[in-house]
Amino acid sequence: MRATHAISSKTLPCAILALAIFVPLSSCDLIHSTCRKTPNFQLCASILRSNPNSGSADVRGLGLIMVGSLESKATSALHTIRQLLRTKPHLKIPLIECSKKYSFILKYDVTEAYEALRLGDPKFGEESMNDSAMVAQECE
């Protein structure tokens, strides 16, 4: 399945990790300097600048915005998968697998990333974000 949701979702986890670990707090343009540390500057900057809360957010806040975006895109991808299940019965087996994987992302990986940022320990969520990227790539 080649969907925009899956493509965008696979780069978000790396962006979230870079946000939380590698960005200095004293940057005058935190979004710009933060997104320069991610694998996809344009995607990162677009997501953060489109959120009105990003202008006043610290690094943790930017991380939370990115996790929220991942959650939204994973939810959208799951919805698309469910629609495809009704219209593409010949793809039932791989679509069911991807549905399970995106459900796992939403139930466990996103939850763990939020918790890691809430606790101030972004390394804690690194594995779950890497898992999310791999799932999106597999389902793509």
Protein backbone atom coordinates (compact mmCIF):
# COMPACT_ATOMS: atom_id res chain seq x y z
CA MET A 1 0.00 0.00 0.00
CA ARG A 2 1.60 3.23 -1.07
CA ALA A 3 -0.13 6.01 0.79
CA THR A 4 0.98 9.47 1.89
CA HIS A 5 0.15 8.49 5.46
CA ALA A 6 2.69 5.68 5.46
CA ILE A 7 5.40 7.74 3.79
CA SER A 8 5.02 10.62 6.23
CA SER A 9 4.70 8.35 9.21
CA LYS A 10 7.97 6.58 8.64
CA THR A 11 10.07 9.75 8.96
CA LEU A 12 8.25 11.18 11.95
CA PRO A 13 9.76 8.86 14.56
CA CYS A 14 13.29 9.91 13.63
CA ALA A 15 12.24 13.55 13.73
CA ILE A 16 10.72 13.09 17.18
CA LEU A 17 13.87 11.47 18.48
CA ALA A 18 16.05 14.24 17.10
CA LEU A 19 13.74 16.84 18.60
CA ALA A 20 13.99 15.39 22.04
CA ILE A 21 17.68 14.54 22.18
CA PHE A 22 19.86 16.67 19.96
CA VAL A 23 18.44 20.18 20.00
CA PRO A 24 19.86 22.89 22.22
CA LEU A 25 17.27 24.83 24.22
CA SER A 26 18.89 28.22 23.61
CA SER A 27 18.30 28.35 19.85
CA CYS A 28 16.74 31.60 18.60
CA ASP A 29 14.75 29.72 15.95
CA LEU A 30 14.03 26.44 17.68
CA ILE A 31 11.91 24.99 14.88
CA HIS A 32 14.56 25.66 12.25
CA SER A 33 17.45 24.33 14.32
CA THR A 34 15.40 21.37 15.50
CA CYS A 35 14.26 20.32 12.05
CA ARG A 36 17.82 20.61 10.70
CA LYS A 37 18.68 17.67 12.99
CA THR A 38 15.97 15.41 11.55
CA PRO A 39 16.06 13.14 8.49
CA ASN A 40 13.41 15.22 6.71
CA PHE A 41 13.73 18.97 7.34
CA GLN A 42 10.81 19.95 5.10
CA LEU A 43 8.36 17.52 6.71
CA CYS A 44 9.43 18.46 10.21
CA ALA A 45 9.25 22.21 9.57
CA SER A 46 5.91 21.89 7.80
CA ILE A 47 4.35 19.93 10.66
CA LEU A 48 5.68 22.21 13.37
CA ARG A 49 4.98 25.51 11.63
CA SER A 50 1.43 24.44 10.83
CA ASN A 51 0.72 24.04 14.53
CA PRO A 52 -0.08 27.35 16.27
CA ASN A 53 1.36 26.06 19.56
CA SER A 54 4.83 25.51 18.11
CA GLY A 55 5.80 29.20 18.25
CA SER A 56 5.87 29.20 22.02
CA ALA A 57 6.88 25.57 22.55
CA ASP A 58 10.13 24.34 24.01
CA VAL A 59 11.86 21.20 22.72
CA ARG A 60 9.56 18.96 24.76
CA GLY A 61 6.56 20.81 23.36
CA LEU A 62 7.81 20.39 19.81
CA GLY A 63 8.30 16.68 20.50
CA LEU A 64 4.72 16.44 21.74
CA ILE A 65 3.48 18.18 18.59
CA MET A 66 5.40 15.68 16.46
CA VAL A 67 4.05 12.69 18.39
CA GLY A 68 0.56 14.15 17.98
CA SER A 69 1.16 14.39 14.25
CA LEU A 70 2.36 10.79 14.14
CA GLU A 71 -0.77 9.75 16.02
CA SER A 72 -2.97 11.64 13.59
CA LYS A 73 -1.25 10.20 10.52
CA ALA A 74 -1.33 6.65 11.92
CA THR A 75 -5.04 7.06 12.67
CA SER A 76 -5.64 8.31 9.14
CA ALA A 77 -3.62 5.43 7.65
CA LEU A 78 -5.65 2.96 9.72
CA HIS A 79 -8.87 4.51 8.43
CA THR A 80 -7.59 4.24 4.84
CA ILE A 81 -6.65 0.60 5.40
CA ARG A 82 -10.15 -0.13 6.68
CA GLN A 83 -11.66 1.50 3.59
CA LEU A 84 -9.37 -0.51 1.33
CA LEU A 85 -10.44 -3.71 3.07
CA ARG A 86 -13.97 -3.06 1.77
CA THR A 87 -12.91 -2.15 -1.76
CA LYS A 88 -9.88 -4.37 -2.39
CA PRO A 89 -10.72 -7.87 -1.14
CA HIS A 90 -7.75 -9.34 -3.02
CA LEU A 91 -5.47 -7.41 -0.62
CA LYS A 92 -7.21 -8.67 2.51
CA ILE A 93 -4.26 -10.48 4.10
CA PRO A 94 -1.66 -7.67 3.83
CA LEU A 95 -4.23 -5.03 4.73
CA ILE A 96 -5.24 -6.92 7.87
CA GLU A 97 -1.56 -7.22 8.82
CA CYS A 98 -1.03 -3.48 8.34
CA SER A 99 -4.20 -2.75 10.27
CA LYS A 100 -2.84 -4.73 13.21
CA LYS A 101 0.51 -2.96 12.96
CA TYR A 102 -0.98 0.54 12.85
CA SER A 103 -3.27 -0.36 15.74
CA PHE A 104 -0.16 -1.41 17.68
CA ILE A 105 1.53 1.91 16.85
CA LEU A 106 -1.46 3.80 18.19
CA LYS A 107 -1.94 1.68 21.29
CA TYR A 108 1.69 1.21 22.34
CA ASP A 109 4.26 3.24 20.41
CA VAL A 110 2.49 6.60 20.50
CA THR A 111 1.55 6.07 24.13
CA GLU A 112 5.14 5.26 25.04
CA ALA A 113 6.48 8.30 23.17
CA TYR A 114 4.04 10.60 24.96
CA GLU A 115 5.02 9.07 28.29
CA ALA A 116 8.73 9.39 27.55
CA LEU A 117 8.34 13.09 26.73
CA ARG A 118 6.09 13.65 29.74
CA LEU A 119 8.72 12.08 32.02
CA GLY A 120 11.55 14.03 30.37
CA ASP A 121 13.26 10.85 29.19
CA PRO A 122 13.09 10.89 25.37
CA LYS A 123 15.50 7.95 25.06
CA PHE A 124 12.75 5.83 26.64
CA GLY A 125 10.55 6.33 23.57
CA GLU A 126 13.30 5.81 21.00
CA GLU A 127 12.59 2.11 20.43
CA SER A 128 8.87 2.63 19.96
CA MET A 129 9.47 5.43 17.45
CA ASN A 130 11.89 3.23 15.53
CA ASP A 131 9.22 0.51 15.54
CA SER A 132 6.71 2.97 14.07
CA ALA A 133 9.06 3.84 11.22
CA MET A 134 9.64 0.19 10.41
CA VAL A 135 5.92 -0.62 10.44
CA ALA A 136 5.11 2.27 8.12
CA GLN A 137 7.85 1.18 5.75
CA GLU A 138 6.66 -2.43 5.77
CA CYS A 139 3.06 -1.45 5.09
CA GLU A 140 4.04 0.98 2.38
